[in-house]
Amino acid sequence: MLHSPVPGFGLPFALEALLALLLVAIGLLLIVFVVKLLIALLPAALVALVVWLLTKDRLLTAIAFLAVAVVSLFKRL
């Protein structure tokens, strides 16, 4: 019997394959969630960038980002 350099969990092969598929599915769901979150926050980031370029004030930039993000969030609900 060949020994793998990465030991398994000592589970049967079918169970390890099922666990691997489950972990891949969870990873894909996380990636989709992060991409959707970045797309949802894009307008807020653009407004914050414009405020930063106009004022160079971090407080106003943060307020603009949060205001647009909250409005965007409530608009989606």
Protein backbone atom coordinates (compact mmCIF):
# COMPACT_ATOMS: atom_id res chain seq x y z
CA MET A 1 0.00 0.00 0.00
CA LEU A 2 1.36 3.42 -0.97
CA HIS A 3 1.54 6.11 1.67
CA SER A 4 0.44 9.59 0.77
CA PRO A 5 2.69 12.50 1.82
CA VAL A 6 -0.44 14.12 3.23
CA PRO A 7 -2.18 11.72 5.58
CA GLY A 8 -5.97 11.51 5.47
CA PHE A 9 -8.29 11.62 8.40
CA GLY A 10 -8.41 7.85 8.62
CA LEU A 11 -11.88 7.86 7.08
CA PRO A 12 -13.07 5.66 4.23
CA PHE A 13 -12.30 7.01 0.75
CA ALA A 14 -15.95 7.79 -0.08
CA LEU A 15 -16.35 9.79 3.10
CA GLU A 16 -13.11 11.70 2.46
CA ALA A 17 -14.25 12.46 -1.10
CA LEU A 18 -17.61 13.70 0.20
CA LEU A 19 -15.85 15.86 2.79
CA ALA A 20 -13.55 17.27 0.10
CA LEU A 21 -16.54 18.13 -2.11
CA LEU A 22 -18.27 19.78 0.83
CA LEU A 23 -15.21 21.90 1.58
CA VAL A 24 -14.90 22.90 -2.09
CA ALA A 25 -18.59 23.90 -2.13
CA ILE A 26 -18.14 25.99 1.02
CA GLY A 27 -15.08 27.65 -0.51
CA LEU A 28 -16.97 28.49 -3.69
CA LEU A 29 -19.87 29.92 -1.70
CA LEU A 30 -17.45 32.12 0.25
CA ILE A 31 -15.84 33.35 -2.97
CA VAL A 32 -19.26 34.18 -4.46
CA PHE A 33 -20.25 35.98 -1.25
CA VAL A 34 -17.07 38.08 -1.23
CA VAL A 35 -17.44 39.00 -4.92
CA LYS A 36 -21.08 40.00 -4.40
CA LEU A 37 -20.07 42.07 -1.38
CA LEU A 38 -17.36 43.85 -3.37
CA ILE A 39 -19.82 44.58 -6.18
CA ALA A 40 -22.36 45.89 -3.66
CA LEU A 41 -19.77 48.19 -2.06
CA LEU A 42 -18.39 49.50 -5.36
CA PRO A 43 -20.69 52.57 -5.52
CA ALA A 44 -19.79 53.48 -1.93
CA ALA A 45 -16.10 53.12 -2.72
CA LEU A 46 -16.42 55.32 -5.80
CA VAL A 47 -18.24 58.04 -3.86
CA ALA A 48 -15.62 57.84 -1.12
CA LEU A 49 -12.87 58.15 -3.72
CA VAL A 50 -14.46 61.28 -5.17
CA VAL A 51 -14.87 62.78 -1.69
CA TRP A 52 -11.24 61.96 -0.88
CA LEU A 53 -9.99 63.53 -4.11
CA LEU A 54 -12.03 66.68 -3.49
CA THR A 55 -11.42 67.16 0.24
CA LYS A 56 -8.47 64.96 1.35
CA ASP A 57 -10.39 64.55 4.61
CA ARG A 58 -10.54 61.04 6.06
CA LEU A 59 -13.57 61.73 8.24
CA LEU A 60 -15.69 63.02 5.38
CA THR A 61 -14.53 60.14 3.21
CA ALA A 62 -15.54 57.61 5.86
CA ILE A 63 -18.90 59.29 6.39
CA ALA A 64 -19.57 59.32 2.65
CA PHE A 65 -18.62 55.65 2.33
CA LEU A 66 -20.79 54.59 5.25
CA ALA A 67 -23.75 56.70 4.11
CA VAL A 68 -23.73 55.28 0.59
CA ALA A 69 -23.14 51.73 1.89
CA VAL A 70 -26.11 51.99 4.29
CA VAL A 71 -28.38 53.43 1.58
CA SER A 72 -27.27 50.68 -0.80
CA LEU A 73 -27.93 48.04 1.84
CA PHE A 74 -31.43 49.31 2.60
CA LYS A 75 -32.16 49.63 -1.12
CA ARG A 76 -31.37 45.92 -1.60
CA LEU A 77 -33.69 44.91 1.26
